[in-house]
Amino acid sequence: MRWEESYAHEDNKLALLAIFKYIRTKDAEYSPAAVKALRAISDEDLLNRVHTKYQDLQKSLRSAKLLASSRSTTAAVDSALATTRDVKLTKGMRQSRQHGVRTEFYMAPVE
């Protein structure tokens, strides 16, 4: 998850969709007390609740000072970019950058 980004960010969208699918496929294992409600709620409403929970967790992280507020993010990024421009990369760092960073994850098909 990219907590500093919206739930609509591509990485977060995939992760939240995986959570949604997990809740749908494992409803009884996920929460035995909520089986009836999980079977009655529409897909759209459940996905909206997952998005709302993500936003609530973001707010909690911000209030606990574990996540920068969205207003200060731009200044923090500018500052980080300014300090990394003069960094000399080692051979190992350059080689690992060629392979890229793997941000996707495997999602098993939902049956």
N, C-alpha and C. Protein backbone atom coordinates (compact mmCIF):
# COMPACT_ATOMS: atom_id res chain seq x y z
N MET A 1 0.84 -1.18 0.00
CA MET A 1 0.00 0.00 0.00
C MET A 1 0.88 1.24 0.00
N ARG A 2 0.41 2.22 -0.68
CA ARG A 2 1.06 3.53 -0.67
C ARG A 2 0.16 4.44 0.16
N TRP A 3 0.46 4.49 1.45
CA TRP A 3 -0.42 5.20 2.38
C TRP A 3 -0.51 6.68 2.10
N GLU A 4 0.52 7.25 1.47
CA GLU A 4 0.48 8.68 1.19
C GLU A 4 -0.39 9.00 -0.03
N GLU A 5 -0.81 7.97 -0.76
CA GLU A 5 -1.62 8.15 -1.97
C GLU A 5 -3.09 7.82 -1.70
N SER A 6 -3.93 8.30 -2.58
CA SER A 6 -5.37 8.04 -2.51
C SER A 6 -5.67 6.57 -2.78
N TYR A 7 -6.87 6.15 -2.41
CA TYR A 7 -7.26 4.77 -2.71
C TYR A 7 -7.39 4.56 -4.21
N ALA A 8 -7.50 5.64 -4.99
CA ALA A 8 -7.63 5.54 -6.43
C ALA A 8 -6.28 5.35 -7.13
N HIS A 9 -5.16 5.50 -6.41
CA HIS A 9 -3.84 5.28 -6.99
C HIS A 9 -3.77 3.83 -7.48
N GLU A 10 -3.10 3.60 -8.59
CA GLU A 10 -3.09 2.28 -9.23
C GLU A 10 -2.65 1.16 -8.28
N ASP A 11 -1.57 1.39 -7.53
CA ASP A 11 -1.09 0.36 -6.59
C ASP A 11 -2.12 0.09 -5.51
N ASN A 12 -2.71 1.14 -4.96
CA ASN A 12 -3.70 0.98 -3.90
C ASN A 12 -4.97 0.35 -4.43
N LYS A 13 -5.35 0.72 -5.65
CA LYS A 13 -6.56 0.17 -6.25
C LYS A 13 -6.44 -1.36 -6.34
N LEU A 14 -5.28 -1.85 -6.77
CA LEU A 14 -5.06 -3.30 -6.88
C LEU A 14 -5.07 -3.97 -5.51
N ALA A 15 -4.42 -3.35 -4.54
CA ALA A 15 -4.36 -3.93 -3.19
C ALA A 15 -5.75 -3.95 -2.54
N LEU A 16 -6.50 -2.87 -2.70
CA LEU A 16 -7.83 -2.81 -2.10
C LEU A 16 -8.79 -3.77 -2.81
N LEU A 17 -8.60 -3.96 -4.09
CA LEU A 17 -9.41 -4.93 -4.82
C LEU A 17 -9.10 -6.34 -4.33
N ALA A 18 -7.83 -6.62 -4.04
CA ALA A 18 -7.45 -7.93 -3.49
C ALA A 18 -8.10 -8.14 -2.12
N ILE A 19 -8.15 -7.10 -1.30
CA ILE A 19 -8.80 -7.20 0.00
C ILE A 19 -10.28 -7.46 -0.19
N PHE A 20 -10.91 -6.74 -1.12
CA PHE A 20 -12.33 -6.93 -1.42
C PHE A 20 -12.60 -8.37 -1.84
N LYS A 21 -11.77 -8.90 -2.76
CA LYS A 21 -11.95 -10.28 -3.22
C LYS A 21 -11.76 -11.28 -2.09
N TYR A 22 -10.79 -11.01 -1.22
CA TYR A 22 -10.56 -11.89 -0.07
C TYR A 22 -11.79 -11.92 0.84
N ILE A 23 -12.34 -10.76 1.12
CA ILE A 23 -13.53 -10.70 1.97
C ILE A 23 -14.68 -11.44 1.31
N ARG A 24 -14.86 -11.26 0.01
CA ARG A 24 -15.95 -11.93 -0.71
C ARG A 24 -15.78 -13.46 -0.71
N THR A 25 -14.57 -13.94 -0.94
CA THR A 25 -14.38 -15.39 -1.05
C THR A 25 -14.27 -16.08 0.30
N LYS A 26 -13.82 -15.36 1.31
CA LYS A 26 -13.61 -15.97 2.63
C LYS A 26 -14.56 -15.40 3.68
N ASP A 27 -15.78 -15.02 3.26
CA ASP A 27 -16.66 -14.30 4.17
C ASP A 27 -16.87 -15.00 5.52
N ALA A 28 -17.12 -16.29 5.52
CA ALA A 28 -17.35 -17.00 6.78
C ALA A 28 -16.07 -17.09 7.61
N GLU A 29 -14.92 -17.30 6.95
CA GLU A 29 -13.66 -17.37 7.67
C GLU A 29 -13.21 -15.98 8.13
N TYR A 30 -13.52 -14.98 7.32
CA TYR A 30 -13.12 -13.60 7.62
C TYR A 30 -13.81 -13.12 8.89
N SER A 31 -15.11 -13.31 8.95
CA SER A 31 -15.87 -12.86 10.11
C SER A 31 -17.14 -13.69 10.22
N PRO A 32 -17.10 -14.77 11.00
CA PRO A 32 -18.28 -15.63 11.12
C PRO A 32 -19.54 -14.89 11.58
N ALA A 33 -19.38 -13.89 12.40
CA ALA A 33 -20.55 -13.15 12.89
C ALA A 33 -21.17 -12.26 11.81
N ALA A 34 -20.40 -11.95 10.77
CA ALA A 34 -20.90 -11.03 9.74
C ALA A 34 -21.29 -11.72 8.44
N VAL A 35 -21.39 -13.05 8.44
CA VAL A 35 -21.68 -13.79 7.21
C VAL A 35 -22.98 -13.30 6.57
N LYS A 36 -24.02 -13.17 7.36
CA LYS A 36 -25.32 -12.76 6.82
C LYS A 36 -25.23 -11.37 6.18
N ALA A 37 -24.57 -10.43 6.87
CA ALA A 37 -24.44 -9.07 6.34
C ALA A 37 -23.55 -9.04 5.10
N LEU A 38 -22.46 -9.83 5.11
CA LEU A 38 -21.55 -9.85 3.95
C LEU A 38 -22.23 -10.44 2.72
N ARG A 39 -23.13 -11.37 2.92
CA ARG A 39 -23.84 -11.96 1.78
C ARG A 39 -24.95 -11.04 1.28
N ALA A 40 -25.43 -10.14 2.13
CA ALA A 40 -26.51 -9.23 1.74
C ALA A 40 -25.99 -7.94 1.08
N ILE A 41 -24.78 -7.52 1.41
CA ILE A 41 -24.26 -6.25 0.90
C ILE A 41 -23.85 -6.39 -0.57
N SER A 42 -24.11 -5.35 -1.34
CA SER A 42 -23.75 -5.39 -2.76
C SER A 42 -22.24 -5.23 -2.92
N ASP A 43 -21.73 -5.65 -4.06
CA ASP A 43 -20.30 -5.50 -4.34
C ASP A 43 -19.88 -4.05 -4.28
N GLU A 44 -20.69 -3.17 -4.85
CA GLU A 44 -20.36 -1.74 -4.87
C GLU A 44 -20.28 -1.17 -3.45
N ASP A 45 -21.26 -1.53 -2.61
CA ASP A 45 -21.25 -1.03 -1.23
C ASP A 45 -20.07 -1.57 -0.44
N LEU A 46 -19.75 -2.85 -0.64
CA LEU A 46 -18.61 -3.43 0.08
C LEU A 46 -17.31 -2.76 -0.35
N LEU A 47 -17.14 -2.54 -1.64
CA LEU A 47 -15.93 -1.87 -2.12
C LEU A 47 -15.86 -0.45 -1.58
N ASN A 48 -17.00 0.25 -1.51
CA ASN A 48 -17.01 1.59 -0.92
C ASN A 48 -16.60 1.55 0.55
N ARG A 49 -17.01 0.52 1.27
CA ARG A 49 -16.64 0.39 2.68
C ARG A 49 -15.14 0.11 2.83
N VAL A 50 -14.58 -0.68 1.91
CA VAL A 50 -13.14 -0.93 1.93
C VAL A 50 -12.39 0.38 1.69
N HIS A 51 -12.87 1.18 0.73
CA HIS A 51 -12.24 2.48 0.45
C HIS A 51 -12.36 3.41 1.66
N THR A 52 -13.52 3.42 2.29
CA THR A 52 -13.72 4.27 3.47
C THR A 52 -12.80 3.84 4.60
N LYS A 53 -12.64 2.54 4.81
CA LYS A 53 -11.76 2.04 5.86
C LYS A 53 -10.32 2.45 5.57
N TYR A 54 -9.90 2.38 4.31
CA TYR A 54 -8.55 2.82 3.93
C TYR A 54 -8.36 4.30 4.28
N GLN A 55 -9.34 5.13 3.95
CA GLN A 55 -9.25 6.55 4.25
C GLN A 55 -9.21 6.79 5.76
N ASP A 56 -9.99 6.02 6.52
CA ASP A 56 -9.97 6.15 7.98
C ASP A 56 -8.59 5.79 8.55
N LEU A 57 -7.98 4.74 7.99
CA LEU A 57 -6.65 4.34 8.43
C LEU A 57 -5.62 5.42 8.07
N GLN A 58 -5.77 6.04 6.91
CA GLN A 58 -4.88 7.15 6.52
C GLN A 58 -4.98 8.28 7.53
N LYS A 59 -6.21 8.65 7.90
CA LYS A 59 -6.42 9.73 8.87
C LYS A 59 -5.78 9.38 10.21
N SER A 60 -5.92 8.12 10.62
CA SER A 60 -5.33 7.69 11.89
C SER A 60 -3.81 7.78 11.84
N LEU A 61 -3.23 7.39 10.73
CA LEU A 61 -1.77 7.47 10.58
C LEU A 61 -1.30 8.93 10.60
N ARG A 62 -2.06 9.79 9.96
CA ARG A 62 -1.69 11.22 9.95
C ARG A 62 -1.80 11.82 11.35
N SER A 63 -2.87 11.47 12.06
CA SER A 63 -3.05 12.04 13.40
C SER A 63 -2.00 11.50 14.37
N ALA A 64 -1.50 10.29 14.13
CA ALA A 64 -0.44 9.72 14.97
C ALA A 64 0.95 10.17 14.51
N LYS A 65 0.98 11.05 13.50
CA LYS A 65 2.24 11.59 12.95
C LYS A 65 3.12 10.50 12.33
N LEU A 66 2.49 9.43 11.87
CA LEU A 66 3.22 8.35 11.20
C LEU A 66 3.18 8.52 9.68
N LEU A 67 2.37 9.48 9.23
CA LEU A 67 2.25 9.75 7.81
C LEU A 67 2.16 11.26 7.64
N ALA A 68 2.93 11.79 6.70
CA ALA A 68 2.92 13.24 6.48
C ALA A 68 1.57 13.66 5.92
N SER A 69 1.13 14.84 6.25
CA SER A 69 -0.13 15.34 5.70
C SER A 69 0.05 15.57 4.21
N SER A 70 -1.02 15.53 3.47
CA SER A 70 -0.93 15.67 2.02
C SER A 70 -0.40 17.04 1.62
N ARG A 71 -0.57 18.05 2.46
CA ARG A 71 -0.07 19.39 2.15
C ARG A 71 1.44 19.48 2.24
N SER A 72 2.03 18.72 3.16
CA SER A 72 3.48 18.80 3.34
C SER A 72 4.23 17.80 2.47
N THR A 73 3.51 16.95 1.76
CA THR A 73 4.15 15.92 0.94
C THR A 73 4.98 16.53 -0.18
N THR A 74 4.48 17.56 -0.83
CA THR A 74 5.20 18.18 -1.94
C THR A 74 6.54 18.75 -1.48
N ALA A 75 6.54 19.43 -0.35
CA ALA A 75 7.78 20.00 0.17
C ALA A 75 8.77 18.90 0.54
N ALA A 76 8.26 17.80 1.13
CA ALA A 76 9.12 16.69 1.51
C ALA A 76 9.73 16.02 0.29
N VAL A 77 8.95 15.86 -0.77
CA VAL A 77 9.46 15.25 -2.00
C VAL A 77 10.52 16.15 -2.63
N ASP A 78 10.25 17.45 -2.69
CA ASP A 78 11.23 18.39 -3.25
C ASP A 78 12.54 18.34 -2.47
N SER A 79 12.44 18.29 -1.16
CA SER A 79 13.62 18.22 -0.32
C SER A 79 14.39 16.92 -0.55
N ALA A 80 13.67 15.81 -0.64
CA ALA A 80 14.32 14.51 -0.86
C ALA A 80 15.01 14.47 -2.22
N LEU A 81 14.37 15.03 -3.24
CA LEU A 81 14.97 15.05 -4.57
C LEU A 81 16.24 15.90 -4.59
N ALA A 82 16.22 17.00 -3.88
CA ALA A 82 17.39 17.87 -3.83
C ALA A 82 18.58 17.17 -3.19
N THR A 83 18.34 16.35 -2.19
CA THR A 83 19.45 15.68 -1.51
C THR A 83 19.93 14.45 -2.27
N THR A 84 19.08 13.85 -3.10
CA THR A 84 19.50 12.64 -3.81
C THR A 84 20.18 12.92 -5.15
N ARG A 85 20.13 14.14 -5.61
CA ARG A 85 20.76 14.45 -6.90
C ARG A 85 22.27 14.26 -6.88
N ASP A 86 22.89 14.50 -5.74
CA ASP A 86 24.35 14.45 -5.65
C ASP A 86 24.87 13.11 -5.13
N VAL A 87 24.00 12.12 -5.00
CA VAL A 87 24.41 10.83 -4.47
C VAL A 87 25.10 10.03 -5.56
N LYS A 88 26.25 9.45 -5.24
CA LYS A 88 26.98 8.61 -6.20
C LYS A 88 26.50 7.17 -6.03
N LEU A 89 26.05 6.57 -7.12
CA LEU A 89 25.55 5.21 -7.07
C LEU A 89 26.69 4.21 -7.21
N THR A 90 26.62 3.14 -6.44
CA THR A 90 27.61 2.07 -6.57
C THR A 90 27.23 1.19 -7.76
N LYS A 91 28.12 0.32 -8.16
CA LYS A 91 27.86 -0.57 -9.28
C LYS A 91 26.64 -1.46 -8.99
N GLY A 92 26.56 -1.97 -7.76
CA GLY A 92 25.43 -2.82 -7.38
C GLY A 92 24.10 -2.08 -7.44
N MET A 93 24.11 -0.81 -7.02
CA MET A 93 22.89 -0.01 -7.07
C MET A 93 22.46 0.24 -8.51
N ARG A 94 23.43 0.53 -9.37
CA ARG A 94 23.10 0.77 -10.77
C ARG A 94 22.53 -0.47 -11.41
N GLN A 95 23.12 -1.63 -11.12
CA GLN A 95 22.64 -2.87 -11.71
C GLN A 95 21.25 -3.23 -11.21
N SER A 96 20.97 -3.00 -9.93
CA SER A 96 19.65 -3.34 -9.42
C SER A 96 18.59 -2.40 -9.99
N ARG A 97 18.96 -1.18 -10.32
CA ARG A 97 18.00 -0.25 -10.92
C ARG A 97 17.63 -0.67 -12.33
N GLN A 98 18.54 -1.33 -13.04
CA GLN A 98 18.24 -1.77 -14.40
C GLN A 98 17.09 -2.78 -14.40
N HIS A 99 17.02 -3.58 -13.36
CA HIS A 99 15.98 -4.59 -13.29
C HIS A 99 14.65 -4.00 -12.85
N GLY A 100 14.65 -2.81 -12.33
CA GLY A 100 13.42 -2.15 -11.90
C GLY A 100 12.99 -2.64 -10.54
N VAL A 101 11.99 -2.00 -10.03
CA VAL A 101 11.43 -2.37 -8.75
C VAL A 101 10.11 -3.06 -9.01
N ARG A 102 9.94 -4.19 -8.42
CA ARG A 102 8.72 -4.95 -8.65
C ARG A 102 7.66 -4.48 -7.67
N THR A 103 6.61 -3.85 -8.18
CA THR A 103 5.57 -3.33 -7.30
C THR A 103 4.29 -4.15 -7.37
N GLU A 104 4.16 -4.99 -8.39
CA GLU A 104 2.94 -5.78 -8.48
C GLU A 104 3.05 -7.01 -7.60
N PHE A 105 1.96 -7.63 -7.33
CA PHE A 105 1.95 -8.83 -6.52
C PHE A 105 1.03 -9.84 -7.18
N TYR A 106 1.22 -11.09 -6.84
CA TYR A 106 0.42 -12.14 -7.43
C TYR A 106 -0.94 -12.21 -6.76
N MET A 107 -1.99 -12.26 -7.56
CA MET A 107 -3.33 -12.46 -7.02
C MET A 107 -3.86 -13.74 -7.62
N ALA A 108 -4.21 -14.68 -6.77
CA ALA A 108 -4.78 -15.93 -7.25
C ALA A 108 -6.16 -15.64 -7.83
N PRO A 109 -6.54 -16.34 -8.89
CA PRO A 109 -7.86 -16.11 -9.47
C PRO A 109 -8.97 -16.47 -8.48
N VAL A 110 -10.01 -15.69 -8.51
CA VAL A 110 -11.17 -15.93 -7.64
C VAL A 110 -12.08 -16.91 -8.33
N GLU A 111 -12.41 -17.96 -7.66
CA GLU A 111 -13.27 -19.00 -8.27
C GLU A 111 -14.70 -18.78 -7.95
